[in-house]
C-alpha cells in the first residue's frame, strides 16, 4: 500500500451468493488522482464502486480511505461523495435544495450549509440556476448539479458511476471537457466507473482494466495504450491488435514470416531488453498502417473487408494472411479497392 493514499483496496472480494463478482482486487489511488475503472458490462467494476461507497459488504479484503480502514464503517462515516448514473435528483426541490440535501442530512448548520452550497455552485458554474427545478435543466446541467451535491459534503473520495452515459452521444464530447475541468478544480481523489474507453482516456490520470472480476492492468493512459499486457486490454481500449513476432537482424517477422517489417517501421523505444520475451510481440494500431504500392519495404497484400467513411478518415477492416486488422486511411476513399497493399508508417508498429 502506498503512503497516505487517497484510496486503497486490499484483496477486495465480492460475492453475490455463489457468484464471485470481484476476485481479490488490490488497487491504490493516490490523493488527488483520478482513476478510471473500466471493463465490459458485468466485469465487477460497479460492484467495486458500491463496496467503496459502503453500499455493499465485501466477502473479503479491506478498504482504506486516507489512513483509515473503512471496510466496516457505514456510508455516512466514509467521507464519500457519490454521483450515481441516474443523478438521482429530487424533482420537487430546487438546484440549491438538491445540493443542500446531503448537508442537511449530516446536520450541518444553516450558515455553513449556505456557504458550502454557494461555493460548489460557483465551482460548477450553476450559481444563476440555484432556484430552478431539475426538470428545467439540460442533461449536462443536471450532471453538474449531481457533482455539486457530491462535492458539497467535502468528500475525501469522489465516486462517479457512468457519469456521461445518460447523455446524448452528440453532447458527450463537450461535457467530457466540462467534467474534466470541474474535477480538476475540485482536486479530490476520484474514481470513475465507465465502459467508455474514450471517456477513461480523456478524464483519468490512471486506468484500471477489469475483466471477470479481476484486475488485468493498471497504469497511466499512455502505458495502457502503448504497452497493453494482452489482447483484451489492447482491444478494449481500441489501441490495436497484438501479434506474435520474431526479431531477425534488422527486421521483425510477423504472421509466421509472411510479413517482414523493416526496422524503420518499428517503434522499439518502449522495449525492455531485460525482458525474457522482449521483441516477441508487436502492437498494430489503427494508425500503424498506410496504403502503399506493392514494392514498398514492409508492404504486405491485404483484402478490404469493410470500409466506413468517418469524415477525416476512412476506417478499414482488412484481412492480412487470415488475420483481421483495423486501420484508418487518411485521404480519398475512392483509392480504397477490394485488394490493397499496406505498409507500416515510420515507427508505426510498437515492439513489445
Protein backbone atom coordinates (compact mmCIF):
# COMPACT_ATOMS: atom_id res chain seq x y z
CA UNK A 1 0.00 0.00 0.00
CA UNK A 2 1.32 3.49 -0.85
CA UNK A 3 1.98 6.15 1.79
CA UNK A 4 -1.11 8.22 2.68
CA UNK A 5 -3.24 7.02 -0.22
CA UNK A 6 -6.49 8.65 -1.18
CA UNK A 7 -7.97 5.18 -1.59
CA UNK A 8 -6.51 1.69 -1.27
CA UNK A 9 -8.15 -1.67 -1.90
CA UNK A 10 -6.50 -4.79 -0.48
CA UNK A 11 -7.59 -8.11 -1.99
CA UNK A 12 -11.18 -6.87 -2.29
CA UNK A 13 -13.56 -9.78 -2.89
CA UNK A 14 -17.29 -9.53 -3.52
CA UNK A 15 -19.81 -12.34 -3.87
CA UNK A 16 -23.48 -12.49 -4.79
CA UNK A 17 -24.48 -15.83 -3.32
CA UNK A 18 -22.32 -18.42 -5.05
CA UNK A 19 -21.25 -15.97 -7.78
CA UNK A 20 -17.80 -14.44 -7.43
CA UNK A 21 -18.18 -10.89 -8.78
CA UNK A 22 -14.85 -9.38 -7.68
CA UNK A 23 -11.84 -11.62 -7.17
CA UNK A 24 -9.19 -10.20 -4.85
CA UNK A 25 -8.55 -6.79 -6.40
CA UNK A 26 -5.67 -4.77 -4.93
CA UNK A 27 -5.50 -1.18 -6.11
CA UNK A 28 -4.04 2.14 -4.92
CA UNK A 29 -5.27 5.60 -5.87
CA UNK A 30 -3.10 8.49 -4.77
CA UNK A 31 -4.52 11.57 -3.11
CA UNK A 32 -5.90 13.92 -5.77
CA UNK A 33 -5.64 11.30 -8.52
CA UNK A 34 -8.45 10.46 -10.95
CA UNK A 35 -8.77 6.73 -11.60
CA UNK A 36 -11.00 5.28 -14.32
CA UNK A 37 -12.23 1.77 -13.56
CA UNK A 38 -13.10 0.23 -16.92
CA UNK A 39 -14.24 -3.06 -18.36
CA UNK A 40 -17.16 -4.70 -20.16
CA UNK A 41 -20.62 -4.97 -18.63
CA UNK A 42 -20.74 -7.44 -15.77
CA UNK A 43 -16.99 -7.37 -15.10
CA UNK A 44 -17.39 -6.22 -11.47
CA UNK A 45 -16.42 -2.54 -11.72
CA UNK A 46 -19.74 -1.22 -10.36
CA UNK A 47 -19.57 -3.72 -7.51
CA UNK A 48 -16.18 -2.27 -6.57
CA UNK A 49 -17.68 1.24 -6.57
CA UNK A 50 -20.62 0.17 -4.41
CA UNK A 51 -18.29 -1.53 -1.94
CA UNK A 52 -16.14 1.60 -1.63
CA UNK A 53 -19.30 3.66 -1.08
CA UNK A 54 -20.40 1.30 1.70
CA UNK A 55 -23.48 0.13 -0.18
CA UNK A 56 -22.18 -3.43 -0.50
CA UNK A 57 -20.45 -5.60 2.10
CA UNK A 58 -17.30 -7.29 0.80
CA UNK A 59 -16.83 -11.02 1.24
CA UNK A 60 -13.14 -10.36 1.89
CA UNK A 61 -10.38 -7.79 1.78
CA UNK A 62 -10.06 -4.27 3.17
CA UNK A 63 -10.90 -0.74 2.01
CA UNK A 64 -8.78 2.21 3.18
CA UNK A 65 -9.64 5.88 2.68
CA UNK A 66 -6.76 8.13 3.66
CA UNK A 67 -5.19 6.47 6.67
CA UNK A 68 -8.43 4.89 7.90
CA UNK A 69 -9.75 1.37 7.39
CA UNK A 70 -13.40 1.99 6.46
CA UNK A 71 -14.34 -1.56 5.49
CA UNK A 72 -16.88 -1.88 8.28
CA UNK A 73 -17.97 1.77 8.51
CA UNK A 74 -21.45 2.85 7.35
CA UNK A 75 -21.63 5.06 4.24
CA UNK A 76 -22.24 8.28 6.16
CA UNK A 77 -18.92 7.91 8.02
CA UNK A 78 -16.72 7.27 4.97
CA UNK A 79 -16.41 10.85 3.63
CA UNK A 80 -17.59 9.68 0.22
CA UNK A 81 -19.26 11.79 -2.44
CA UNK A 82 -21.29 9.74 -4.93
CA UNK A 83 -22.61 10.77 -8.35
CA UNK A 84 -24.96 7.93 -9.40
CA UNK A 85 -25.58 7.06 -13.03
CA UNK A 86 -29.13 8.43 -12.95
CA UNK A 87 -28.04 11.57 -10.96
CA UNK A 88 -30.96 10.72 -8.56
CA UNK A 89 -32.20 14.28 -8.03
CA UNK A 90 -35.35 15.29 -6.20
CA UNK A 91 -37.65 16.79 -8.87
CA UNK A 92 -39.65 18.86 -6.35
CA UNK A 93 -36.54 20.60 -4.98
CA UNK A 94 -34.60 23.46 -6.49
CA UNK A 95 -30.97 23.10 -7.54
CA UNK A 96 -29.99 24.65 -4.20
CA UNK A 97 -32.26 22.29 -2.31
CA UNK A 98 -30.77 19.27 -4.05
CA UNK A 99 -27.21 20.38 -3.32
CA UNK A 100 -28.04 21.16 0.33
CA UNK A 101 -29.78 17.83 0.92
CA UNK A 102 -26.71 15.87 1.96
CA UNK A 103 -25.56 18.67 4.22
CA UNK A 104 -28.94 18.76 5.97
CA UNK A 105 -28.80 15.00 6.46
CA UNK A 106 -25.42 15.42 8.15
CA UNK A 107 -26.72 18.11 10.49
CA UNK A 108 -24.66 20.96 9.02
CA UNK A 109 -25.85 24.34 10.29
CA UNK A 110 -27.63 26.85 8.07
CA UNK A 111 -24.79 29.35 7.74
CA UNK A 112 -22.20 26.71 6.87
CA UNK A 113 -24.69 24.91 4.62
CA UNK A 114 -25.31 28.10 2.64
CA UNK A 115 -21.59 28.82 2.33
CA UNK A 116 -20.73 25.35 1.05
CA UNK A 117 -23.64 25.32 -1.38
CA UNK A 118 -22.68 28.71 -2.78
CA UNK A 119 -19.07 27.55 -3.18
CA UNK A 120 -19.86 24.37 -5.11
CA UNK A 121 -22.50 26.03 -7.30
CA UNK A 122 -19.90 28.60 -8.29
CA UNK A 123 -17.36 25.83 -8.86
CA UNK A 124 -19.59 24.05 -11.38
CA UNK A 125 -20.95 27.24 -12.93
CA UNK A 126 -24.55 26.96 -11.72
CA UNK A 127 -24.90 29.97 -9.41
CA UNK A 128 -27.51 31.53 -11.69
CA UNK A 129 -29.52 28.30 -11.75
CA UNK A 130 -29.85 27.83 -7.98
CA UNK A 131 -33.59 28.46 -7.96
CA UNK A 132 -34.51 26.20 -10.87
CA UNK A 133 -36.02 22.71 -10.64
CA UNK A 134 -34.22 19.73 -12.25
CA UNK A 135 -36.94 19.46 -14.91
CA UNK A 136 -35.92 22.86 -16.28
CA UNK A 137 -32.27 21.87 -16.72
CA UNK A 138 -30.39 20.22 -19.57
CA UNK A 139 -28.71 16.85 -19.14
CA UNK A 140 -25.33 18.49 -18.72
CA UNK A 141 -26.67 20.89 -16.10
CA UNK A 142 -28.25 18.03 -14.14
CA UNK A 143 -24.91 16.27 -14.21
CA UNK A 144 -23.26 19.35 -12.72
CA UNK A 145 -25.92 19.55 -10.00
CA UNK A 146 -25.22 15.93 -9.05
CA UNK A 147 -21.49 16.69 -8.99
CA UNK A 148 -22.05 19.80 -6.85
CA UNK A 149 -24.17 17.81 -4.39
CA UNK A 150 -21.44 15.18 -4.06
CA UNK A 151 -18.74 17.82 -3.57
CA UNK A 152 -20.75 19.82 -1.03
CA UNK A 153 -20.12 17.25 1.70
CA UNK A 154 -16.34 17.83 1.29
CA UNK A 155 -15.55 14.19 0.40
CA UNK A 156 -12.14 12.57 0.68
CA UNK A 157 -13.07 10.31 -2.24
CA UNK A 158 -15.46 11.16 -5.07
CA UNK A 159 -17.18 8.30 -6.90
CA UNK A 160 -18.80 8.69 -10.32
CA UNK A 161 -20.84 5.86 -11.82
CA UNK A 162 -21.00 6.14 -15.64
CA UNK A 163 -21.19 9.97 -15.44
CA UNK A 164 -21.86 10.56 -19.15
CA UNK A 165 -23.90 7.51 -20.11
CA UNK A 166 -27.26 9.22 -19.55
CA UNK A 167 -26.41 11.94 -22.08
CA UNK A 168 -26.94 12.06 -25.83
CA UNK A 169 -23.85 10.92 -27.77
CA UNK A 170 -23.53 14.26 -29.56
CA UNK A 171 -23.30 16.06 -26.18
CA UNK A 172 -20.73 13.81 -24.55
CA UNK A 173 -17.58 15.26 -26.11
CA UNK A 174 -18.23 18.80 -24.90
CA UNK A 175 -19.49 17.66 -21.50
CA UNK A 176 -16.42 15.44 -21.09
CA UNK A 177 -14.30 18.59 -21.27
CA UNK A 178 -16.60 20.34 -18.80
CA UNK A 179 -16.43 17.40 -16.38
CA UNK A 180 -12.63 17.27 -16.67
CA UNK A 181 -12.44 20.98 -15.80
CA UNK A 182 -14.71 20.58 -12.78
CA UNK A 183 -12.82 17.55 -11.48
CA UNK A 184 -9.52 19.41 -11.82
CA UNK A 185 -10.94 22.33 -9.85
CA UNK A 186 -12.29 20.01 -7.13
CA UNK A 187 -8.92 18.28 -6.74
CA UNK A 188 -10.13 15.34 -4.64
CA UNK A 189 -9.35 11.66 -5.13
CA UNK A 190 -11.81 10.41 -7.74
CA UNK A 191 -12.90 7.02 -9.09
CA UNK A 192 -14.88 6.97 -12.32
CA UNK A 193 -16.61 3.76 -13.39
CA UNK A 194 -17.16 3.63 -17.14
CA UNK A 195 -17.37 1.24 -20.06
CA UNK A 196 -16.39 4.04 -22.47
CA UNK A 197 -12.68 3.84 -23.25
CA UNK A 198 -12.57 7.36 -24.72
CA UNK A 199 -14.08 8.71 -21.51
CA UNK A 200 -11.42 6.91 -19.48
CA UNK A 201 -8.54 8.07 -21.67
CA UNK A 202 -9.76 11.68 -21.61
CA UNK A 203 -10.57 12.06 -17.90
CA UNK A 204 -8.25 9.82 -15.90
CA UNK A 205 -4.70 10.08 -14.61
CA UNK A 206 -4.63 6.28 -14.32
CA UNK A 207 -6.81 3.47 -15.67
CA UNK A 208 -7.59 0.09 -14.14
CA UNK A 209 -8.93 -2.53 -16.56
CA UNK A 210 -11.13 -5.24 -15.02
CA UNK A 211 -12.20 -8.50 -16.63
CA UNK A 212 -14.38 -11.16 -14.97
CA UNK A 213 -13.81 -9.64 -11.55
CA UNK A 214 -10.02 -9.49 -11.79
CA UNK A 215 -7.64 -6.59 -12.30
CA UNK A 216 -5.91 -7.08 -15.65
CA UNK A 217 -3.77 -3.94 -15.90
CA UNK A 218 -3.35 -0.66 -14.00
CA UNK A 219 -1.30 2.28 -15.25
CA UNK A 220 -1.37 5.64 -16.98
CA UNK A 221 -3.40 6.04 -20.18
CA UNK A 222 -0.14 6.21 -22.14
CA UNK A 223 1.16 3.00 -20.56
CA UNK A 224 -2.02 1.07 -21.32
CA UNK A 225 -2.23 2.48 -24.84
CA UNK A 226 1.37 1.73 -25.77
CA UNK A 227 2.05 -1.32 -23.57
CA UNK A 228 -1.17 -3.33 -23.17
CA UNK A 229 -0.46 -6.55 -21.29
CA UNK A 230 -2.67 -8.66 -23.53
CA UNK A 231 -5.06 -8.72 -26.47
CA UNK A 232 -8.04 -7.97 -24.23
CA UNK A 233 -6.62 -4.65 -22.99
CA UNK A 234 -5.45 -3.64 -26.48
CA UNK A 235 -8.84 -4.40 -27.99
CA UNK A 236 -10.89 -2.85 -25.19
CA UNK A 237 -9.02 0.45 -25.26
CA UNK A 238 -9.12 0.49 -29.04
CA UNK A 239 -5.34 0.60 -29.22
CA UNK A 240 -4.99 -2.25 -31.68
CA UNK A 241 -4.11 -5.90 -32.17
CA UNK A 242 -1.23 -7.81 -30.59
CA UNK A 243 0.54 -10.30 -32.86
CA UNK A 244 3.32 -12.79 -32.21
CA UNK A 245 6.61 -11.69 -33.75
CA UNK A 246 10.25 -12.72 -34.15
CA UNK A 247 13.23 -10.41 -34.42
CA UNK A 248 15.56 -11.32 -37.27
CA UNK A 249 18.54 -8.97 -37.79
CA UNK A 250 17.10 -5.57 -38.76
CA UNK A 251 13.59 -6.84 -39.39
CA UNK A 252 10.66 -8.22 -37.41
CA UNK A 253 8.81 -11.21 -38.81
CA UNK A 254 5.07 -11.38 -38.18
CA UNK A 255 2.45 -13.94 -39.20
CA UNK A 256 4.95 -16.75 -39.34
CA UNK A 257 7.38 -14.79 -41.52
CA UNK A 258 4.80 -13.92 -44.19
CA UNK A 259 5.11 -10.25 -43.19
CA UNK A 260 8.62 -8.84 -42.77
CA UNK A 261 8.71 -5.38 -41.24
CA UNK A 262 11.93 -3.35 -41.58
CA UNK A 263 13.46 -1.51 -38.63
CA UNK A 264 12.19 1.84 -39.95
CA UNK A 265 8.59 0.70 -39.39
CA UNK A 266 9.16 -0.40 -35.78
CA UNK A 267 8.91 1.66 -32.60
CA UNK A 268 11.16 -0.17 -30.16
CA UNK A 269 11.53 2.77 -27.76
CA UNK A 270 9.45 1.15 -25.02
CA UNK A 271 11.03 -2.28 -25.38
CA UNK A 272 12.64 -3.60 -22.22
CA UNK A 273 15.67 -5.61 -23.39
CA UNK A 274 15.88 -7.27 -19.96
CA UNK A 275 12.54 -9.00 -20.50
CA UNK A 276 12.97 -12.67 -21.44
CA UNK A 277 10.36 -12.38 -24.20
CA UNK A 278 11.47 -8.94 -25.44
CA UNK A 279 10.53 -8.47 -29.06
CA UNK A 280 8.18 -11.45 -29.06
CA UNK A 281 5.06 -9.40 -29.85
CA UNK A 282 4.03 -6.33 -31.83
CA UNK A 283 1.12 -3.94 -31.36
CA UNK A 284 -0.59 -2.92 -34.62
CA UNK A 285 -2.88 0.06 -34.09
CA UNK A 286 -5.36 1.89 -36.33
CA UNK A 287 -2.71 4.49 -37.13
CA UNK A 288 0.13 1.98 -37.65
CA UNK A 289 -0.50 1.30 -41.33
CA UNK A 290 -0.84 3.20 -44.60
CA UNK A 291 -1.89 2.19 -48.09
CA UNK A 292 1.20 1.68 -50.24
CA UNK A 293 2.36 0.28 -53.56
CA UNK A 294 3.39 -3.33 -53.87
CA UNK A 295 7.15 -2.61 -53.75
CA UNK A 296 7.14 -0.57 -50.51
CA UNK A 297 9.52 -2.03 -47.86
CA UNK A 298 7.42 -3.82 -45.28
CA UNK A 299 4.42 -3.89 -47.60
CA UNK A 300 2.00 -6.80 -47.41
CA UNK A 301 -1.08 -7.63 -49.53
CA UNK A 302 -4.44 -7.20 -47.81
CA UNK A 303 -8.09 -7.63 -48.64
CA UNK A 304 -10.54 -4.90 -47.58
CA UNK A 305 -13.44 -6.47 -45.69
CA UNK A 306 -15.24 -3.27 -44.77
CA UNK A 307 -14.80 0.46 -45.35
CA UNK A 308 -16.60 3.13 -43.35
CA UNK A 309 -16.30 6.82 -44.11
CA UNK A 310 -15.63 8.78 -40.92
CA UNK A 311 -15.07 12.33 -42.13
CA UNK A 312 -11.34 12.97 -41.83
CA UNK A 313 -10.54 9.26 -42.20
CA UNK A 314 -11.97 6.13 -43.76
CA UNK A 315 -11.97 3.26 -41.27
CA UNK A 316 -10.97 -0.02 -42.82
CA UNK A 317 -11.20 -3.60 -41.63
CA UNK A 318 -8.60 -5.58 -43.59
CA UNK A 319 -7.55 -9.21 -43.85
CA UNK A 320 -3.80 -9.83 -43.87
CA UNK A 321 -2.99 -13.52 -44.40
CA UNK A 322 -6.10 -14.55 -42.47
CA UNK A 323 -5.70 -12.02 -39.62
CA UNK A 324 -8.17 -9.13 -39.39
CA UNK A 325 -6.76 -5.68 -38.59
CA UNK A 326 -8.27 -2.21 -38.31
CA UNK A 327 -6.67 0.84 -39.89
CA UNK A 328 -7.51 4.46 -40.62
CA UNK A 329 -6.91 5.72 -44.13
CA UNK A 330 -6.38 9.48 -44.36
CA UNK A 331 -7.20 10.58 -47.89
CA UNK A 332 -9.77 9.98 -50.63
CA UNK A 333 -11.94 6.94 -50.02
CA UNK A 334 -12.02 6.37 -53.78
CA UNK A 335 -8.48 4.96 -53.77
CA UNK A 336 -9.57 2.10 -51.50
CA UNK A 337 -10.18 -1.01 -53.55
CA UNK A 338 -11.01 -4.60 -52.60
CA UNK A 339 -7.34 -5.59 -52.74
CA UNK A 340 -4.62 -3.26 -51.44
CA UNK A 341 -1.07 -3.24 -50.13
CA UNK A 342 -0.46 -1.89 -46.64
CA UNK A 343 2.84 -0.94 -45.04
CA UNK A 344 3.86 0.38 -41.62
CA UNK A 345 4.19 4.09 -41.01
CA UNK A 346 7.65 5.16 -39.83
CA UNK A 347 7.92 3.65 -36.33
CA UNK A 348 4.21 2.91 -36.58
CA UNK A 349 4.24 -0.63 -35.16
CA UNK A 350 5.12 -0.96 -31.48
CA UNK A 351 7.52 -3.74 -30.50
CA UNK A 352 6.56 -5.15 -27.11
